[in-house]
Amino acid sequence: MNTRELFVRAELTRAQDGGINRMQSWIPQRIAVVGAVVDLKDDETGQWTRGWTIGWVTFPTIATRDMRKHSRDHLKMRKASDI
């Protein structure tokens, strides 16, 4: 992953089992086009999930380095608080 790449927060939706999955995720700005369908790779498992539609995108952007730091901080907080 390019450490200079910029990310934006986006809402993603995907049909599954007669319903709709929704999630928010940081995605690369270069693919963040509302209405586009994207495939996402889970950094932890390495597995791809296909067919996510971008519903909305927020700005400002965040750099890869900062995004990873915030993600690590969030995981540490969750591990400490989830019993």
N, C-alpha and C. Protein backbone atom coordinates (compact mmCIF):
# COMPACT_ATOMS: atom_id res chain seq x y z
N MET A 1 0.84 -1.18 0.00
CA MET A 1 0.00 0.00 0.00
C MET A 1 0.88 1.24 0.00
N ASN A 2 0.56 2.18 -0.86
CA ASN A 2 1.29 3.42 -0.98
C ASN A 2 1.08 4.27 0.26
N THR A 3 2.17 4.65 0.94
CA THR A 3 2.04 5.42 2.17
C THR A 3 1.60 6.86 1.91
N ARG A 4 1.63 7.30 0.66
CA ARG A 4 1.20 8.65 0.32
C ARG A 4 -0.26 8.69 -0.16
N GLU A 5 -0.85 7.52 -0.30
CA GLU A 5 -2.22 7.47 -0.79
C GLU A 5 -3.17 8.10 0.22
N LEU A 6 -4.21 8.77 -0.29
CA LEU A 6 -5.20 9.41 0.56
C LEU A 6 -6.47 8.57 0.60
N PHE A 7 -7.12 8.59 1.76
CA PHE A 7 -8.34 7.82 1.98
C PHE A 7 -9.47 8.75 2.40
N VAL A 8 -10.69 8.33 2.08
CA VAL A 8 -11.90 9.04 2.51
C VAL A 8 -12.81 8.03 3.19
N ARG A 9 -13.68 8.53 4.04
CA ARG A 9 -14.64 7.66 4.70
C ARG A 9 -15.86 7.53 3.79
N ALA A 10 -16.36 6.32 3.65
CA ALA A 10 -17.48 6.08 2.75
C ALA A 10 -18.47 5.11 3.37
N GLU A 11 -19.75 5.27 2.98
CA GLU A 11 -20.74 4.27 3.33
C GLU A 11 -20.83 3.31 2.16
N LEU A 12 -20.81 2.02 2.48
CA LEU A 12 -20.88 0.98 1.46
C LEU A 12 -22.07 0.08 1.75
N THR A 13 -22.77 -0.34 0.70
CA THR A 13 -23.90 -1.24 0.86
C THR A 13 -23.74 -2.43 -0.07
N ARG A 14 -24.34 -3.55 0.33
CA ARG A 14 -24.27 -4.77 -0.48
C ARG A 14 -25.47 -5.64 -0.14
N ALA A 15 -26.15 -6.13 -1.17
CA ALA A 15 -27.28 -7.04 -0.95
C ALA A 15 -26.77 -8.40 -0.50
N GLN A 16 -27.47 -8.99 0.49
CA GLN A 16 -27.08 -10.31 0.97
C GLN A 16 -28.27 -10.96 1.68
N ASP A 17 -28.59 -12.17 1.29
CA ASP A 17 -29.63 -12.98 1.94
C ASP A 17 -30.96 -12.22 2.08
N GLY A 18 -31.38 -11.53 1.05
CA GLY A 18 -32.65 -10.83 1.07
C GLY A 18 -32.64 -9.52 1.83
N GLY A 19 -31.50 -9.10 2.33
CA GLY A 19 -31.38 -7.84 3.05
C GLY A 19 -30.25 -7.00 2.47
N ILE A 20 -29.87 -5.99 3.20
CA ILE A 20 -28.78 -5.11 2.76
C ILE A 20 -27.78 -4.95 3.89
N ASN A 21 -26.53 -5.24 3.61
CA ASN A 21 -25.44 -4.98 4.55
C ASN A 21 -24.99 -3.54 4.35
N ARG A 22 -24.75 -2.85 5.44
CA ARG A 22 -24.22 -1.48 5.39
C ARG A 22 -22.99 -1.42 6.28
N MET A 23 -22.01 -0.67 5.81
CA MET A 23 -20.84 -0.42 6.65
C MET A 23 -20.19 0.87 6.23
N GLN A 24 -19.39 1.41 7.13
CA GLN A 24 -18.57 2.57 6.81
C GLN A 24 -17.13 2.12 6.85
N SER A 25 -16.36 2.62 5.90
CA SER A 25 -14.97 2.21 5.81
C SER A 25 -14.14 3.33 5.20
N TRP A 26 -12.85 3.30 5.49
CA TRP A 26 -11.91 4.21 4.83
C TRP A 26 -11.47 3.53 3.54
N ILE A 27 -11.72 4.19 2.41
CA ILE A 27 -11.35 3.61 1.11
C ILE A 27 -10.46 4.60 0.37
N PRO A 28 -9.64 4.12 -0.57
CA PRO A 28 -8.77 5.02 -1.32
C PRO A 28 -9.58 6.08 -2.07
N GLN A 29 -9.13 7.32 -2.00
CA GLN A 29 -9.83 8.42 -2.66
C GLN A 29 -9.96 8.17 -4.16
N ARG A 30 -8.98 7.50 -4.78
CA ARG A 30 -8.99 7.30 -6.22
C ARG A 30 -10.15 6.43 -6.69
N ILE A 31 -10.76 5.64 -5.79
CA ILE A 31 -11.91 4.79 -6.19
C ILE A 31 -13.22 5.26 -5.58
N ALA A 32 -13.18 6.36 -4.82
CA ALA A 32 -14.34 6.82 -4.06
C ALA A 32 -15.30 7.63 -4.94
N VAL A 33 -16.07 6.93 -5.75
CA VAL A 33 -17.05 7.57 -6.63
C VAL A 33 -18.43 7.05 -6.23
N VAL A 34 -19.32 7.97 -5.81
CA VAL A 34 -20.66 7.57 -5.39
C VAL A 34 -21.34 6.80 -6.52
N GLY A 35 -21.89 5.64 -6.17
CA GLY A 35 -22.56 4.78 -7.14
C GLY A 35 -21.68 3.70 -7.73
N ALA A 36 -20.37 3.84 -7.57
CA ALA A 36 -19.45 2.83 -8.10
C ALA A 36 -19.56 1.54 -7.28
N VAL A 37 -19.30 0.41 -7.91
CA VAL A 37 -19.29 -0.89 -7.24
C VAL A 37 -17.83 -1.30 -7.09
N VAL A 38 -17.42 -1.62 -5.86
CA VAL A 38 -16.03 -1.94 -5.57
C VAL A 38 -15.93 -3.27 -4.83
N ASP A 39 -14.76 -3.87 -4.89
CA ASP A 39 -14.42 -5.06 -4.12
C ASP A 39 -13.45 -4.62 -3.03
N LEU A 40 -13.62 -5.15 -1.83
CA LEU A 40 -12.78 -4.76 -0.70
C LEU A 40 -12.01 -5.96 -0.17
N LYS A 41 -10.76 -5.73 0.19
CA LYS A 41 -9.92 -6.78 0.78
C LYS A 41 -9.76 -6.49 2.26
N ASP A 42 -10.05 -7.49 3.09
CA ASP A 42 -9.90 -7.36 4.53
C ASP A 42 -8.42 -7.45 4.87
N ASP A 43 -7.88 -6.41 5.51
CA ASP A 43 -6.45 -6.40 5.86
C ASP A 43 -6.08 -7.51 6.83
N GLU A 44 -7.02 -7.90 7.69
CA GLU A 44 -6.72 -8.91 8.70
C GLU A 44 -6.76 -10.32 8.15
N THR A 45 -7.76 -10.63 7.30
CA THR A 45 -7.92 -12.00 6.81
C THR A 45 -7.37 -12.19 5.40
N GLY A 46 -7.23 -11.09 4.66
CA GLY A 46 -6.77 -11.19 3.28
C GLY A 46 -7.85 -11.62 2.30
N GLN A 47 -9.08 -11.80 2.79
CA GLN A 47 -10.19 -12.24 1.93
C GLN A 47 -10.87 -11.04 1.28
N TRP A 48 -11.37 -11.27 0.07
CA TRP A 48 -12.09 -10.24 -0.67
C TRP A 48 -13.58 -10.39 -0.46
N THR A 49 -14.27 -9.26 -0.34
CA THR A 49 -15.72 -9.24 -0.41
C THR A 49 -16.08 -8.39 -1.62
N ARG A 50 -16.95 -8.92 -2.43
CA ARG A 50 -17.24 -8.30 -3.72
C ARG A 50 -18.62 -7.66 -3.75
N GLY A 51 -18.74 -6.65 -4.60
CA GLY A 51 -20.04 -6.06 -4.88
C GLY A 51 -20.52 -4.99 -3.92
N TRP A 52 -19.64 -4.21 -3.31
CA TRP A 52 -20.03 -3.12 -2.44
C TRP A 52 -20.30 -1.87 -3.27
N THR A 53 -21.44 -1.23 -3.06
CA THR A 53 -21.79 0.00 -3.76
C THR A 53 -21.51 1.19 -2.84
N ILE A 54 -20.82 2.19 -3.36
CA ILE A 54 -20.48 3.37 -2.57
C ILE A 54 -21.71 4.28 -2.51
N GLY A 55 -22.20 4.52 -1.28
CA GLY A 55 -23.39 5.33 -1.08
C GLY A 55 -23.09 6.81 -0.89
N TRP A 56 -22.09 7.11 -0.07
CA TRP A 56 -21.67 8.49 0.12
C TRP A 56 -20.20 8.52 0.52
N VAL A 57 -19.58 9.66 0.38
CA VAL A 57 -18.16 9.84 0.67
C VAL A 57 -18.01 11.14 1.46
N THR A 58 -17.15 11.12 2.47
CA THR A 58 -16.90 12.34 3.25
C THR A 58 -15.48 12.83 3.02
N PHE A 59 -15.29 14.09 3.24
CA PHE A 59 -13.98 14.71 3.17
C PHE A 59 -13.79 15.45 4.48
N PRO A 60 -12.63 15.76 4.96
CA PRO A 60 -11.36 15.73 4.26
C PRO A 60 -10.77 14.32 4.17
N THR A 61 -9.70 14.24 3.43
CA THR A 61 -9.00 12.97 3.26
C THR A 61 -8.08 12.73 4.46
N ILE A 62 -7.59 11.49 4.55
CA ILE A 62 -6.63 11.13 5.58
C ILE A 62 -5.53 10.30 4.91
N ALA A 63 -4.29 10.53 5.31
CA ALA A 63 -3.16 9.81 4.73
C ALA A 63 -3.10 8.39 5.29
N THR A 64 -2.49 7.48 4.53
CA THR A 64 -2.37 6.07 4.92
C THR A 64 -1.76 5.93 6.31
N ARG A 65 -0.69 6.64 6.56
CA ARG A 65 0.00 6.55 7.85
C ARG A 65 -0.94 6.90 9.00
N ASP A 66 -1.68 7.99 8.86
CA ASP A 66 -2.59 8.43 9.91
C ASP A 66 -3.77 7.47 10.07
N MET A 67 -4.28 6.95 8.95
CA MET A 67 -5.39 6.02 9.00
C MET A 67 -4.99 4.75 9.77
N ARG A 68 -3.81 4.24 9.48
CA ARG A 68 -3.34 3.03 10.18
C ARG A 68 -3.16 3.29 11.68
N LYS A 69 -2.65 4.46 12.04
CA LYS A 69 -2.49 4.80 13.45
C LYS A 69 -3.84 4.83 14.15
N HIS A 70 -4.83 5.48 13.55
CA HIS A 70 -6.16 5.55 14.15
C HIS A 70 -6.78 4.16 14.26
N SER A 71 -6.55 3.33 13.27
CA SER A 71 -7.09 1.96 13.28
C SER A 71 -6.47 1.16 14.43
N ARG A 72 -5.16 1.27 14.61
CA ARG A 72 -4.50 0.56 15.71
C ARG A 72 -5.02 1.06 17.06
N ASP A 73 -5.17 2.38 17.18
CA ASP A 73 -5.68 2.95 18.44
C ASP A 73 -7.08 2.42 18.74
N HIS A 74 -7.92 2.34 17.71
CA HIS A 74 -9.29 1.84 17.89
C HIS A 74 -9.26 0.37 18.33
N LEU A 75 -8.41 -0.45 17.71
CA LEU A 75 -8.33 -1.86 18.09
C LEU A 75 -7.87 -2.02 19.53
N LYS A 76 -6.89 -1.22 19.95
CA LYS A 76 -6.40 -1.29 21.33
C LYS A 76 -7.52 -0.92 22.31
N MET A 77 -8.28 0.12 21.97
CA MET A 77 -9.38 0.55 22.84
C MET A 77 -10.44 -0.55 22.93
N ARG A 78 -10.78 -1.16 21.80
CA ARG A 78 -11.80 -2.22 21.78
C ARG A 78 -11.33 -3.44 22.59
N LYS A 79 -10.07 -3.82 22.45
CA LYS A 79 -9.55 -4.96 23.20
C LYS A 79 -9.60 -4.69 24.69
N ALA A 80 -9.37 -3.44 25.08
CA ALA A 80 -9.39 -3.09 26.50
C ALA A 80 -10.81 -3.00 27.05
N SER A 81 -11.78 -2.64 26.20
CA SER A 81 -13.12 -2.43 26.72
C SER A 81 -14.07 -3.62 26.48
N ASP A 82 -13.81 -4.46 25.51
CA ASP A 82 -14.68 -5.61 25.22
C ASP A 82 -14.27 -6.80 26.08
N ILE A 83 -15.14 -7.20 26.94
CA ILE A 83 -14.83 -8.32 27.83
C ILE A 83 -15.69 -9.50 27.46
